[in-house]
Protein backbone atom coordinates (compact mmCIF):
# COMPACT_ATOMS: atom_id res chain seq x y z
CA UNK A 1 -2.00 7.68 -13.95
CA UNK A 2 -2.25 7.37 -10.16
CA UNK A 3 0.85 7.99 -8.02
CA UNK A 4 1.81 7.55 -4.39
CA UNK A 5 4.52 9.96 -3.15
CA UNK A 6 6.32 10.43 0.13
CA UNK A 7 9.38 12.46 1.09
CA UNK A 8 9.97 13.49 -2.52
CA UNK A 9 9.97 9.97 -3.98
CA UNK A 10 7.44 8.10 -6.09
CA UNK A 11 6.49 4.94 -4.20
CA UNK A 12 4.06 3.56 -6.78
CA UNK A 13 2.61 4.56 -10.14
CA UNK A 14 -0.08 2.82 -12.19
CA UNK A 15 -3.21 3.16 -14.31
CA UNK A 16 -4.47 -0.14 -12.90
CA UNK A 17 -6.02 0.96 -9.59
CA UNK A 18 -8.66 -0.64 -7.39
CA UNK A 19 -10.54 1.69 -5.02
CA UNK A 20 -11.91 0.19 -1.81
CA UNK A 21 -13.35 2.31 1.01
CA UNK A 22 -11.76 5.40 -0.56
CA UNK A 23 -8.27 3.88 -0.61
CA UNK A 24 -6.39 3.42 -3.87
CA UNK A 25 -4.77 -0.01 -4.15
CA UNK A 26 -1.75 -0.16 -6.48
CA UNK A 27 -0.56 -3.39 -8.11
CA UNK A 28 2.38 -4.88 -6.18
CA UNK A 29 4.49 -4.82 -9.34
CA UNK A 30 4.04 -1.02 -9.58
CA UNK A 31 5.80 -0.20 -6.31
CA UNK A 32 9.46 0.73 -5.93
CA UNK A 33 10.49 -2.20 -3.68
CA UNK A 34 13.74 -0.46 -2.71
CA UNK A 35 11.70 1.99 -0.59
CA UNK A 36 9.70 -0.65 1.34
CA UNK A 37 10.69 -2.65 4.42
CA UNK A 38 8.45 -5.42 5.77
CA UNK A 39 6.88 -4.74 9.15
CA UNK A 40 5.67 -7.20 11.78
CA UNK A 41 2.45 -5.20 12.18
CA UNK A 42 -0.89 -6.76 11.21
CA UNK A 43 -4.52 -5.73 11.58
CA UNK A 44 -7.81 -7.47 10.90
CA UNK A 45 -10.75 -6.23 8.86
CA UNK A 46 -13.92 -8.32 9.26
CA UNK A 47 -14.65 -8.43 5.51
CA UNK A 48 -11.20 -8.04 3.91
CA UNK A 49 -9.11 -10.25 6.19
CA UNK A 50 -5.71 -9.75 7.82
CA UNK A 51 -3.57 -6.87 6.57
CA UNK A 52 0.21 -6.79 6.68
CA UNK A 53 2.28 -3.59 6.59
CA UNK A 54 5.40 -2.04 5.15
CA UNK A 55 7.53 0.74 6.60
CA UNK A 56 8.66 3.26 4.00
CA UNK A 57 12.35 4.22 3.94
CA UNK A 58 13.32 7.26 1.88
CA UNK A 59 16.64 9.09 2.22
CA UNK A 60 17.19 7.70 5.71
CA UNK A 61 13.73 8.70 6.99
CA UNK A 62 11.17 6.06 7.98
CA UNK A 63 7.39 6.17 7.89
CA UNK A 64 6.36 3.17 9.99
CA UNK A 65 3.51 1.01 8.70
CA UNK A 66 2.54 3.58 6.05
CA UNK A 67 1.63 0.97 3.41
CA UNK A 68 -0.54 -2.11 3.77
CA UNK A 69 -1.67 -5.11 1.79
CA UNK A 70 -3.78 -8.24 2.22
CA UNK A 71 -1.70 -11.35 1.43
CA UNK A 72 -4.79 -13.57 1.39
CA UNK A 73 -7.90 -11.36 1.30
CA UNK A 74 -11.32 -12.83 1.90
CA UNK A 75 -13.50 -13.52 -1.15
CA UNK A 76 -15.36 -10.22 -0.72
CA UNK A 77 -12.07 -8.36 -1.24
CA UNK A 78 -10.38 -10.60 -3.79
CA UNK A 79 -9.87 -7.61 -6.12
CA UNK A 80 -7.15 -6.24 -3.80
CA UNK A 81 -4.98 -9.37 -3.78
CA UNK A 82 -1.40 -8.48 -4.74
CA UNK A 83 -2.11 -4.75 -4.22
CA UNK A 84 -0.76 -2.10 -1.84
CA UNK A 85 -2.47 0.97 -0.31
CA UNK A 86 -1.05 3.93 1.61
CA UNK A 87 -1.75 6.34 4.48
CA UNK A 88 0.20 8.25 7.20
CA UNK A 89 1.24 11.24 5.13
CA UNK A 90 1.68 9.49 1.78
CA UNK A 91 0.26 11.70 -0.97
CA UNK A 92 -1.88 9.71 -3.37
CA UNK A 93 -2.74 11.45 -6.64
CA UNK A 94 -5.38 10.24 -9.07
């Protein structure tokens, strides 16, 4: 079971993980939505498409843009549709 943790809370937990470029992508339905706030930030990957971000909010502390997802990934990355990955201090355990 893979887990994503930050500030003492489990953000996501699942056995159904996709690994792309060393990042673990969790199914969107495995995240604790109460800890995520949509961000206006986006970035572009030439082969995956445009990523959108979430800011994590745990016990009043924020971790800006620490989770990302591809709402409409390109065909080469279709396996990460409806999945979320983490960085910026989020501990991801396999």
